[in-house]
Amino acid sequence: MDETNARTELETVYVLTNPAMPGIVKIGMTRASDVAQRIATLSGNSSVPLPFECVYACNVPDARKVEQALHVALGPDRINPSREFFRTSPTQVLAVRRCFTKASK
């Protein structure tokens, strides 16, 4: 794959929840073609008692920027600065994401 194709390849931003962590969402991104693959990796960790569930996933050209923008916007709700977990609802995350989409048009 050349550099031009790498820049235009879609990546995925996702919002996950876990029944073992009520009121907490994970906001991340993956280059994996299948979010289910990323969920399996995260859920396979023995320190997670229940599997993650995807509540939102969106393919975008620059997932890292979208992910970082969501992290900044929801910064006050971030549980740990070195982790991608936020004490908020999926509805709130999606509302922020919609604002970004409207602002970019």
PDB file of N, CA and C in Angstrom:
ATOM      1  N   MET A   1       0.855  -1.179   0.000  1.00  0.00           N
ATOM      2  CA  MET A   1       0.000   0.000   0.000  1.00  0.00           C
ATOM      3  C   MET A   1       0.896   1.236   0.000  1.00  0.00           C
ATOM      4  N   ASP A   2       0.662   2.148  -0.928  1.00  0.00           N
ATOM      5  CA  ASP A   2       1.473   3.353  -0.950  1.00  0.00           C
ATOM      6  C   ASP A   2       0.926   4.393   0.027  1.00  0.00           C
ATOM      7  N   GLU A   3       1.700   5.468   0.209  1.00  0.00           N
ATOM      8  CA  GLU A   3       1.341   6.486   1.204  1.00  0.00           C
ATOM      9  C   GLU A   3       0.004   7.147   0.895  1.00  0.00           C
ATOM     10  N   THR A   4      -0.303   7.379  -0.368  1.00  0.00           N
ATOM     11  CA  THR A   4      -1.576   8.000  -0.746  1.00  0.00           C
ATOM     12  C   THR A   4      -2.747   7.135  -0.312  1.00  0.00           C
ATOM     13  N   ASN A   5      -2.682   5.844  -0.589  1.00  0.00           N
ATOM     14  CA  ASN A   5      -3.758   4.936  -0.182  1.00  0.00           C
ATOM     15  C   ASN A   5      -3.874   4.853   1.327  1.00  0.00           C
ATOM     16  N   ALA A   6      -2.759   4.897   2.022  1.00  0.00           N
ATOM     17  CA  ALA A   6      -2.794   4.823   3.486  1.00  0.00           C
ATOM     18  C   ALA A   6      -3.554   6.005   4.066  1.00  0.00           C
ATOM     19  N   ARG A   7      -3.398   7.177   3.451  1.00  0.00           N
ATOM     20  CA  ARG A   7      -4.070   8.364   3.976  1.00  0.00           C
ATOM     21  C   ARG A   7      -5.569   8.344   3.715  1.00  0.00           C
ATOM     22  N   THR A   8      -5.996   7.677   2.657  1.00  0.00           N
ATOM     23  CA  THR A   8      -7.413   7.689   2.328  1.00  0.00           C
ATOM     24  C   THR A   8      -8.151   6.464   2.858  1.00  0.00           C
ATOM     25  N   GLU A   9      -7.427   5.512   3.416  1.00  0.00           N
ATOM     26  CA  GLU A   9      -8.065   4.317   3.957  1.00  0.00           C
ATOM     27  C   GLU A   9      -8.904   4.690   5.179  1.00  0.00           C
ATOM     28  N   LEU A  10     -10.107   4.183   5.223  1.00  0.00           N
ATOM     29  CA  LEU A  10     -10.986   4.497   6.343  1.00  0.00           C
ATOM     30  C   LEU A  10     -10.571   3.737   7.590  1.00  0.00           C
ATOM     31  N   GLU A  11     -10.721   4.410   8.708  1.00  0.00           N
ATOM     32  CA  GLU A  11     -10.502   3.816  10.020  1.00  0.00           C
ATOM     33  C   GLU A  11     -11.825   3.929  10.763  1.00  0.00           C
ATOM     34  N   THR A  12     -11.906   3.324  11.915  1.00  0.00           N
ATOM     35  CA  THR A  12     -13.173   3.294  12.640  1.00  0.00           C
ATOM     36  C   THR A  12     -13.037   3.916  14.022  1.00  0.00           C
ATOM     37  N   VAL A  13     -13.937   4.845  14.323  1.00  0.00           N
ATOM     38  CA  VAL A  13     -14.090   5.379  15.680  1.00  0.00           C
ATOM     39  C   VAL A  13     -15.243   4.607  16.297  1.00  0.00           C
ATOM     40  N   TYR A  14     -15.077   4.192  17.549  1.00  0.00           N
ATOM     41  CA  TYR A  14     -16.128   3.400  18.192  1.00  0.00           C
ATOM     42  C   TYR A  14     -16.412   3.891  19.602  1.00  0.00           C
ATOM     43  N   VAL A  15     -17.616   3.584  20.059  1.00  0.00           N
ATOM     44  CA  VAL A  15     -18.025   3.842  21.439  1.00  0.00           C
ATOM     45  C   VAL A  15     -18.496   2.504  21.990  1.00  0.00           C
ATOM     46  N   LEU A  16     -17.859   2.073  23.071  1.00  0.00           N
ATOM     47  CA  LEU A  16     -18.186   0.786  23.676  1.00  0.00           C
ATOM     48  C   LEU A  16     -18.702   0.975  25.091  1.00  0.00           C
ATOM     49  N   THR A  17     -19.548   0.069  25.503  1.00  0.00           N
ATOM     50  CA  THR A  17     -19.978  -0.013  26.900  1.00  0.00           C
ATOM     51  C   THR A  17     -19.685  -1.423  27.383  1.00  0.00           C
ATOM     52  N   ASN A  18     -19.768  -1.579  28.696  1.00  0.00           N
ATOM     53  CA  ASN A  18     -19.571  -2.894  29.288  1.00  0.00           C
ATOM     54  C   ASN A  18     -20.533  -3.013  30.461  1.00  0.00           C
ATOM     55  N   PRO A  19     -21.364  -4.060  30.489  1.00  0.00           N
ATOM     56  CA  PRO A  19     -22.334  -4.206  31.579  1.00  0.00           C
ATOM     57  C   PRO A  19     -21.684  -4.244  32.964  1.00  0.00           C
ATOM     58  N   ALA A  20     -20.416  -4.599  33.027  1.00  0.00           N
ATOM     59  CA  ALA A  20     -19.712  -4.636  34.313  1.00  0.00           C
ATOM     60  C   ALA A  20     -19.258  -3.248  34.756  1.00  0.00           C
ATOM     61  N   MET A  21     -19.389  -2.260  33.867  1.00  0.00           N
ATOM     62  CA  MET A  21     -18.960  -0.892  34.165  1.00  0.00           C
ATOM     63  C   MET A  21     -20.078   0.083  33.815  1.00  0.00           C
ATOM     64  N   PRO A  22     -21.184   0.052  34.539  1.00  0.00           N
ATOM     65  CA  PRO A  22     -22.302   0.943  34.206  1.00  0.00           C
ATOM     66  C   PRO A  22     -21.902   2.416  34.314  1.00  0.00           C
ATOM     67  N   GLY A  23     -22.403   3.211  33.372  1.00  0.00           N
ATOM     68  CA  GLY A  23     -22.130   4.646  33.389  1.00  0.00           C
ATOM     69  C   GLY A  23     -20.779   5.025  32.817  1.00  0.00           C
ATOM     70  N   ILE A  24     -20.071   4.058  32.243  1.00  0.00           N
ATOM     71  CA  ILE A  24     -18.746   4.314  31.681  1.00  0.00           C
ATOM     72  C   ILE A  24     -18.741   3.881  30.218  1.00  0.00           C
ATOM     73  N   VAL A  25     -18.143   4.710  29.370  1.00  0.00           N
ATOM     74  CA  VAL A  25     -17.986   4.354  27.963  1.00  0.00           C
ATOM     75  C   VAL A  25     -16.508   4.396  27.598  1.00  0.00           C
ATOM     76  N   LYS A  26     -16.150   3.615  26.619  1.00  0.00           N
ATOM     77  CA  LYS A  26     -14.797   3.634  26.059  1.00  0.00           C
ATOM     78  C   LYS A  26     -14.905   4.223  24.664  1.00  0.00           C
ATOM     79  N   ILE A  27     -14.123   5.254  24.404  1.00  0.00           N
ATOM     80  CA  ILE A  27     -14.100   5.894  23.092  1.00  0.00           C
ATOM     81  C   ILE A  27     -12.732   5.622  22.490  1.00  0.00           C
ATOM     82  N   GLY A  28     -12.718   4.928  21.370  1.00  0.00           N
ATOM     83  CA  GLY A  28     -11.445   4.581  20.756  1.00  0.00           C
ATOM     84  C   GLY A  28     -11.526   4.561  19.248  1.00  0.00           C
ATOM     85  N   MET A  29     -10.419   4.131  18.649  1.00  0.00           N
ATOM     86  CA  MET A  29     -10.370   3.988  17.199  1.00  0.00           C
ATOM     87  C   MET A  29      -9.563   2.746  16.880  1.00  0.00           C
ATOM     88  N   THR A  30      -9.808   2.230  15.694  1.00  0.00           N
ATOM     89  CA  THR A  30      -9.070   1.052  15.258  1.00  0.00           C
ATOM     90  C   THR A  30      -8.840   1.116  13.761  1.00  0.00           C
ATOM     91  N   ARG A  31      -7.756   0.544  13.355  1.00  0.00           N
ATOM     92  CA  ARG A  31      -7.493   0.389  11.925  1.00  0.00           C
ATOM     93  C   ARG A  31      -7.983  -0.971  11.462  1.00  0.00           C
ATOM     94  N   ALA A  32      -8.391  -1.790  12.402  1.00  0.00           N
ATOM     95  CA  ALA A  32      -8.925  -3.108  12.062  1.00  0.00           C
ATOM     96  C   ALA A  32     -10.168  -2.938  11.203  1.00  0.00           C
ATOM     97  N   SER A  33     -10.337  -3.798  10.245  1.00  0.00           N
ATOM     98  CA  SER A  33     -11.482  -3.676   9.341  1.00  0.00           C
ATOM     99  C   SER A  33     -12.793  -4.047  10.018  1.00  0.00           C
ATOM    100  N   ASP A  34     -12.710  -4.714  11.133  1.00  0.00           N
ATOM    101  CA  ASP A  34     -13.909  -5.188  11.809  1.00  0.00           C
ATOM    102  C   ASP A  34     -13.859  -4.795  13.285  1.00  0.00           C
ATOM    103  N   VAL A  35     -14.811  -3.976  13.723  1.00  0.00           N
ATOM    104  CA  VAL A  35     -14.848  -3.549  15.127  1.00  0.00           C
ATOM    105  C   VAL A  35     -14.993  -4.761  16.043  1.00  0.00           C
ATOM    106  N   ALA A  36     -15.683  -5.791  15.577  1.00  0.00           N
ATOM    107  CA  ALA A  36     -15.848  -7.004  16.390  1.00  0.00           C
ATOM    108  C   ALA A  36     -14.493  -7.604  16.755  1.00  0.00           C
ATOM    109  N   GLN A  37     -13.533  -7.487  15.855  1.00  0.00           N
ATOM    110  CA  GLN A  37     -12.179  -7.985  16.132  1.00  0.00           C
ATOM    111  C   GLN A  37     -11.559  -7.193  17.287  1.00  0.00           C
ATOM    112  N   ARG A  38     -11.734  -5.878  17.280  1.00  0.00           N
ATOM    113  CA  ARG A  38     -11.200  -5.030  18.355  1.00  0.00           C
ATOM    114  C   ARG A  38     -11.896  -5.344  19.675  1.00  0.00           C
ATOM    115  N   ILE A  39     -13.211  -5.527  19.627  1.00  0.00           N
ATOM    116  CA  ILE A  39     -13.967  -5.865  20.837  1.00  0.00           C
ATOM    117  C   ILE A  39     -13.483  -7.194  21.404  1.00  0.00           C
ATOM    118  N   ALA A  40     -13.245  -8.161  20.544  1.00  0.00           N
ATOM    119  CA  ALA A  40     -12.760  -9.468  21.000  1.00  0.00           C
ATOM    120  C   ALA A  40     -11.404  -9.334  21.685  1.00  0.00           C
ATOM    121  N   THR A  41     -10.545  -8.485  21.138  1.00  0.00           N
ATOM    122  CA  THR A  41      -9.235  -8.260  21.748  1.00  0.00           C
ATOM    123  C   THR A  41      -9.382  -7.637  23.131  1.00  0.00           C
ATOM    124  N   LEU A  42     -10.203  -6.587  23.227  1.00  0.00           N
ATOM    125  CA  LEU A  42     -10.410  -5.912  24.513  1.00  0.00           C
ATOM    126  C   LEU A  42     -11.097  -6.820  25.525  1.00  0.00           C
ATOM    127  N   SER A  43     -12.080  -7.566  25.070  1.00  0.00           N
ATOM    128  CA  SER A  43     -12.868  -8.413  25.968  1.00  0.00           C
ATOM    129  C   SER A  43     -12.120  -9.677  26.369  1.00  0.00           C
ATOM    130  N   GLY A  44     -11.102 -10.040  25.607  1.00  0.00           N
ATOM    131  CA  GLY A  44     -10.335 -11.243  25.906  1.00  0.00           C
ATOM    132  C   GLY A  44      -9.414 -11.089  27.096  1.00  0.00           C
ATOM    133  N   ASN A  45      -9.243  -9.864  27.556  1.00  0.00           N
ATOM    134  CA  ASN A  45      -8.407  -9.596  28.722  1.00  0.00           C
ATOM    135  C   ASN A  45      -9.063 -10.210  29.955  1.00  0.00           C
ATOM    136  N   SER A  46      -8.307 -10.970  30.713  1.00  0.00           N
ATOM    137  CA  SER A  46      -8.889 -11.665  31.868  1.00  0.00           C
ATOM    138  C   SER A  46      -9.334 -10.718  32.978  1.00  0.00           C
ATOM    139  N   SER A  47      -8.927  -9.448  32.918  1.00  0.00           N
ATOM    140  CA  SER A  47      -9.347  -8.504  33.957  1.00  0.00           C
ATOM    141  C   SER A  47     -10.703  -7.870  33.648  1.00  0.00           C
ATOM    142  N   VAL A  48     -11.305  -8.223  32.515  1.00  0.00           N
ATOM    143  CA  VAL A  48     -12.622  -7.712  32.146  1.00  0.00           C
ATOM    144  C   VAL A  48     -13.628  -8.849  32.302  1.00  0.00           C
ATOM    145  N   PRO A  49     -14.550  -8.748  33.279  1.00  0.00           N
ATOM    146  CA  PRO A  49     -15.442  -9.880  33.558  1.00  0.00           C
ATOM    147  C   PRO A  49     -16.504 -10.158  32.499  1.00  0.00           C
ATOM    148  N   LEU A  50     -16.909  -9.138  31.750  1.00  0.00           N
ATOM    149  CA  LEU A  50     -17.933  -9.302  30.711  1.00  0.00           C
ATOM    150  C   LEU A  50     -17.442  -8.659  29.419  1.00  0.00           C
ATOM    151  N   PRO A  51     -17.913  -9.131  28.275  1.00  0.00           N
ATOM    152  CA  PRO A  51     -17.461  -8.545  27.009  1.00  0.00           C
ATOM    153  C   PRO A  51     -18.010  -7.136  26.781  1.00  0.00           C
ATOM    154  N   PHE A  52     -17.231  -6.341  26.048  1.00  0.00           N
ATOM    155  CA  PHE A  52     -17.677  -5.011  25.648  1.00  0.00           C
ATOM    156  C   PHE A  52     -18.769  -5.135  24.602  1.00  0.00           C
ATOM    157  N   GLU A  53     -19.606  -4.088  24.513  1.00  0.00           N
ATOM    158  CA  GLU A  53     -20.672  -4.021  23.519  1.00  0.00           C
ATOM    159  C   GLU A  53     -20.505  -2.724  22.739  1.00  0.00           C
ATOM    160  N   CYS A  54     -20.608  -2.809  21.430  1.00  0.00           N
ATOM    161  CA  CYS A  54     -20.476  -1.624  20.583  1.00  0.00           C
ATOM    162  C   CYS A  54     -21.822  -0.917  20.487  1.00  0.00           C
ATOM    163  N   VAL A  55     -21.846   0.358  20.868  1.00  0.00           N
ATOM    164  CA  VAL A  55     -23.072   1.143  20.738  1.00  0.00           C
ATOM    165  C   VAL A  55     -22.999   2.110  19.555  1.00  0.00           C
ATOM    166  N   TYR A  56     -21.779   2.313  19.035  1.00  0.00           N
ATOM    167  CA  TYR A  56     -21.612   3.207  17.888  1.00  0.00           C
ATOM    168  C   TYR A  56     -20.271   2.913  17.234  1.00  0.00           C
ATOM    169  N   ALA A  57     -20.265   2.899  15.924  1.00  0.00           N
ATOM    170  CA  ALA A  57     -19.024   2.777  15.159  1.00  0.00           C
ATOM    171  C   ALA A  57     -19.207   3.528  13.851  1.00  0.00           C
ATOM    172  N   CYS A  58     -18.176   4.249  13.454  1.00  0.00           N
ATOM    173  CA  CYS A  58     -18.264   5.053  12.234  1.00  0.00           C
ATOM    174  C   CYS A  58     -16.920   5.020  11.516  1.00  0.00           C
ATOM    175  N   ASN A  59     -16.950   4.699  10.232  1.00  0.00           N
ATOM    176  CA  ASN A  59     -15.739   4.725   9.416  1.00  0.00           C
ATOM    177  C   ASN A  59     -15.475   6.155   8.970  1.00  0.00           C
ATOM    178  N   VAL A  60     -14.259   6.619   9.221  1.00  0.00           N
ATOM    179  CA  VAL A  60     -13.872   7.984   8.861  1.00  0.00           C
ATOM    180  C   VAL A  60     -12.455   7.975   8.291  1.00  0.00           C
ATOM    181  N   PRO A  61     -12.102   8.983   7.471  1.00  0.00           N
ATOM    182  CA  PRO A  61     -10.759   9.023   6.888  1.00  0.00           C
ATOM    183  C   PRO A  61      -9.652   9.241   7.922  1.00  0.00           C
ATOM    184  N   ASP A  62      -9.912   9.990   8.977  1.00  0.00           N
ATOM    185  CA  ASP A  62      -8.881  10.261   9.985  1.00  0.00           C
ATOM    186  C   ASP A  62      -9.446  10.016  11.379  1.00  0.00           C
ATOM    187  N   ALA A  63      -9.553   8.762  11.723  1.00  0.00           N
ATOM    188  CA  ALA A  63     -10.164   8.376  12.998  1.00  0.00           C
ATOM    189  C   ALA A  63      -9.401   8.926  14.195  1.00  0.00           C
ATOM    190  N   ARG A  64      -8.089   9.032  14.089  1.00  0.00           N
ATOM    191  CA  ARG A  64      -7.290   9.530  15.218  1.00  0.00           C
ATOM    192  C   ARG A  64      -7.735  10.944  15.588  1.00  0.00           C
ATOM    193  N   LYS A  65      -7.948  11.809  14.599  1.00  0.00           N
ATOM    194  CA  LYS A  65      -8.377  13.188  14.886  1.00  0.00           C
ATOM    195  C   LYS A  65      -9.772  13.215  15.499  1.00  0.00           C
ATOM    196  N   VAL A  66     -10.678  12.407  14.982  1.00  0.00           N
ATOM    197  CA  VAL A  66     -12.042  12.358  15.524  1.00  0.00           C
ATOM    198  C   VAL A  66     -12.009  11.836  16.955  1.00  0.00           C
ATOM    199  N   GLU A  67     -11.251  10.776  17.176  1.00  0.00           N
ATOM    200  CA  GLU A  67     -11.124  10.207  18.522  1.00  0.00           C
ATOM    201  C   GLU A  67     -10.564  11.251  19.492  1.00  0.00           C
ATOM    202  N   GLN A  68      -9.497  11.926  19.095  1.00  0.00           N
ATOM    203  CA  GLN A  68      -8.882  12.929  19.967  1.00  0.00           C
ATOM    204  C   GLN A  68      -9.825  14.094  20.242  1.00  0.00           C
ATOM    205  N   ALA A  69     -10.589  14.516  19.240  1.00  0.00           N
ATOM    206  CA  ALA A  69     -11.553  15.601  19.443  1.00  0.00           C
ATOM    207  C   ALA A  69     -12.616  15.196  20.456  1.00  0.00           C
ATOM    208  N   LEU A  70     -13.090  13.961  20.369  1.00  0.00           N
ATOM    209  CA  LEU A  70     -14.065  13.470  21.354  1.00  0.00           C
ATOM    210  C   LEU A  70     -13.440  13.414  22.743  1.00  0.00           C
ATOM    211  N   HIS A  71     -12.203  12.961  22.833  1.00  0.00           N
ATOM    212  CA  HIS A  71     -11.520  12.896  24.124  1.00  0.00           C
ATOM    213  C   HIS A  71     -11.385  14.284  24.748  1.00  0.00           C
ATOM    214  N   VAL A  72     -11.046  15.279  23.930  1.00  0.00           N
ATOM    215  CA  VAL A  72     -10.913  16.652  24.438  1.00  0.00           C
ATOM    216  C   VAL A  72     -12.272  17.191  24.878  1.00  0.00           C
ATOM    217  N   ALA A  73     -13.284  17.018  24.032  1.00  0.00           N
ATOM    218  CA  ALA A  73     -14.623  17.538  24.348  1.00  0.00           C
ATOM    219  C   ALA A  73     -15.187  16.921  25.619  1.00  0.00           C
ATOM    220  N   LEU A  74     -14.870  15.664  25.849  1.00  0.00           N
ATOM    221  CA  LEU A  74     -15.394  14.964  27.029  1.00  0.00           C
ATOM    222  C   LEU A  74     -14.347  14.857  28.136  1.00  0.00           C
ATOM    223  N   GLY A  75     -13.291  15.644  28.023  1.00  0.00           N
ATOM    224  CA  GLY A  75     -12.188  15.608  28.982  1.00  0.00           C
ATOM    225  C   GLY A  75     -12.586  15.656  30.446  1.00  0.00           C
ATOM    226  N   PRO A  76     -13.535  16.525  30.834  1.00  0.00           N
ATOM    227  CA  PRO A  76     -13.924  16.572  32.249  1.00  0.00           C
ATOM    228  C   PRO A  76     -14.511  15.253  32.767  1.00  0.00           C
ATOM    229  N   ASP A  77     -14.985  14.416  31.852  1.00  0.00           N
ATOM    230  CA  ASP A  77     -15.579  13.137  32.250  1.00  0.00           C
ATOM    231  C   ASP A  77     -14.588  11.974  32.179  1.00  0.00           C
ATOM    232  N   ARG A  78     -13.358  12.270  31.792  1.00  0.00           N
ATOM    233  CA  ARG A  78     -12.352  11.212  31.645  1.00  0.00           C
ATOM    234  C   ARG A  78     -11.953  10.692  33.018  1.00  0.00           C
ATOM    235  N   ILE A  79     -11.951   9.382  33.156  1.00  0.00           N
ATOM    236  CA  ILE A  79     -11.666   8.758  34.445  1.00  0.00           C
ATOM    237  C   ILE A  79     -10.172   8.749  34.746  1.00  0.00           C
ATOM    238  N   ASN A  80      -9.364   8.457  33.747  1.00  0.00           N
ATOM    239  CA  ASN A  80      -7.918   8.359  33.910  1.00  0.00           C
ATOM    240  C   ASN A  80      -7.286   8.973  32.661  1.00  0.00           C
ATOM    241  N   PRO A  81      -6.378   9.938  32.813  1.00  0.00           N
ATOM    242  CA  PRO A  81      -5.821  10.613  31.642  1.00  0.00           C
ATOM    243  C   PRO A  81      -5.082   9.687  30.671  1.00  0.00           C
ATOM    244  N   SER A  82      -4.666   8.524  31.130  1.00  0.00           N
ATOM    245  CA  SER A  82      -3.938   7.612  30.245  1.00  0.00           C
ATOM    246  C   SER A  82      -4.817   6.494  29.682  1.00  0.00           C
ATOM    247  N   ARG A  83      -6.124   6.587  29.921  1.00  0.00           N
ATOM    248  CA  ARG A  83      -7.062   5.573  29.420  1.00  0.00           C
ATOM    249  C   ARG A  83      -8.183   6.258  28.640  1.00  0.00           C
ATOM    250  N   GLU A  84      -8.903   5.477  27.863  1.00  0.00           N
ATOM    251  CA  GLU A  84      -9.966   6.017  26.997  1.00  0.00           C
ATOM    252  C   GLU A  84     -11.356   5.796  27.579  1.00  0.00           C
ATOM    253  N   PHE A  85     -11.474   5.827  28.895  1.00  0.00           N
ATOM    254  CA  PHE A  85     -12.755   5.587  29.559  1.00  0.00           C
ATOM    255  C   PHE A  85     -13.300   6.890  30.127  1.00  0.00           C
ATOM    256  N   PHE A  86     -14.616   7.082  29.942  1.00  0.00           N
ATOM    257  CA  PHE A  86     -15.271   8.315  30.351  1.00  0.00           C
ATOM    258  C   PHE A  86     -16.531   7.998  31.139  1.00  0.00           C
ATOM    259  N   ARG A  87     -16.769   8.773  32.189  1.00  0.00           N
ATOM    260  CA  ARG A  87     -17.989   8.624  32.977  1.00  0.00           C
ATOM    261  C   ARG A  87     -19.059   9.502  32.325  1.00  0.00           C
ATOM    262  N   THR A  88     -19.736   8.936  31.360  1.00  0.00           N
ATOM    263  CA  THR A  88     -20.764   9.634  30.593  1.00  0.00           C
ATOM    264  C   THR A  88     -21.659   8.586  29.949  1.00  0.00           C
ATOM    265  N   SER A  89     -22.604   9.032  29.166  1.00  0.00           N
ATOM    266  CA  SER A  89     -23.506   8.086  28.498  1.00  0.00           C
ATOM    267  C   SER A  89     -23.189   8.033  27.004  1.00  0.00           C
ATOM    268  N   PRO A  90     -23.519   6.933  26.359  1.00  0.00           N
ATOM    269  CA  PRO A  90     -23.364   6.874  24.907  1.00  0.00           C
ATOM    270  C   PRO A  90     -24.139   7.996  24.211  1.00  0.00           C
ATOM    271  N   THR A  91     -25.291   8.355  24.750  1.00  0.00           N
ATOM    272  CA  THR A  91     -26.104   9.428  24.170  1.00  0.00           C
ATOM    273  C   THR A  91     -25.332  10.738  24.150  1.00  0.00           C
ATOM    274  N   GLN A  92     -24.627  11.043  25.228  1.00  0.00           N
ATOM    275  CA  GLN A  92     -23.835  12.275  25.307  1.00  0.00           C
ATOM    276  C   GLN A  92     -22.689  12.248  24.297  1.00  0.00           C
ATOM    277  N   VAL A  93     -22.014  11.122  24.176  1.00  0.00           N
ATOM    278  CA  VAL A  93     -20.916  10.999  23.215  1.00  0.00           C
ATOM    279  C   VAL A  93     -21.433  11.226  21.797  1.00  0.00           C
ATOM    280  N   LEU A  94     -22.561  10.618  21.479  1.00  0.00           N
ATOM    281  CA  LEU A  94     -23.118  10.753  20.133  1.00  0.00           C
ATOM    282  C   LEU A  94     -23.595  12.179  19.861  1.00  0.00           C
ATOM    283  N   ALA A  95     -24.083  12.868  20.881  1.00  0.00           N
ATOM    284  CA  ALA A  95     -24.487  14.270  20.717  1.00  0.00           C
ATOM    285  C   ALA A  95     -23.271  15.128  20.374  1.00  0.00           C
ATOM    286  N   VAL A  96     -22.163  14.897  21.044  1.00  0.00           N
ATOM    287  CA  VAL A  96     -20.933  15.633  20.749  1.00  0.00           C
ATOM    288  C   VAL A  96     -20.466  15.305  19.333  1.00  0.00           C
ATOM    289  N   ARG A  97     -20.517  14.048  18.965  1.00  0.00           N
ATOM    290  CA  ARG A  97     -20.107  13.622  17.617  1.00  0.00           C
ATOM    291  C   ARG A  97     -20.973  14.308  16.552  1.00  0.00           C
ATOM    292  N   ARG A  98     -22.268  14.403  16.790  1.00  0.00           N
ATOM    293  CA  ARG A  98     -23.162  15.074  15.838  1.00  0.00           C
ATOM    294  C   ARG A  98     -22.801  16.556  15.703  1.00  0.00           C
ATOM    295  N   CYS A  99     -22.424  17.184  16.796  1.00  0.00           N
ATOM    296  CA  CYS A  99     -22.013  18.596  16.742  1.00  0.00           C
ATOM    297  C   CYS A  99     -20.787  18.760  15.846  1.00  0.00           C
ATOM    298  N   PHE A 100     -19.826  17.838  15.952  1.00  0.00           N
ATOM    299  CA  PHE A 100     -18.641  17.892  15.091  1.00  0.00           C
ATOM    300  C   PHE A 100     -19.035  17.746  13.632  1.00  0.00           C
ATOM    301  N   THR A 101     -19.949  16.832  13.361  1.00  0.00           N
ATOM    302  CA  THR A 101     -20.381  16.577  11.987  1.00  0.00           C
ATOM    303  C   THR A 101     -21.048  17.814  11.403  1.00  0.00           C
ATOM    304  N   LYS A 102     -21.933  18.447  12.177  1.00  0.00           N
ATOM    305  CA  LYS A 102     -22.618  19.657  11.705  1.00  0.00           C
ATOM    306  C   LYS A 102     -21.633  20.796  11.493  1.00  0.00           C
ATOM    307  N   ALA A 103     -20.663  20.930  12.390  1.00  0.00           N
ATOM    308  CA  ALA A 103     -19.694  22.019  12.297  1.00  0.00           C
ATOM    309  C   ALA A 103     -18.780  21.865  11.086  1.00  0.00           C
ATOM    310  N   SER A 104     -18.555  20.636  10.654  1.00  0.00           N
ATOM    311  CA  SER A 104     -17.645  20.414   9.529  1.00  0.00           C
ATOM    312  C   SER A 104     -18.323  20.588   8.174  1.00  0.00           C
ATOM    313  N   LYS A 105     -19.640  20.765   8.169  1.00  0.00           N
ATOM    314  CA  LYS A 105     -20.361  20.930   6.891  1.00  0.00           C
ATOM    315  C   LYS A 105     -20.414  22.371   6.472  1.00  0.00           C
TER     316      LYS A 105
END
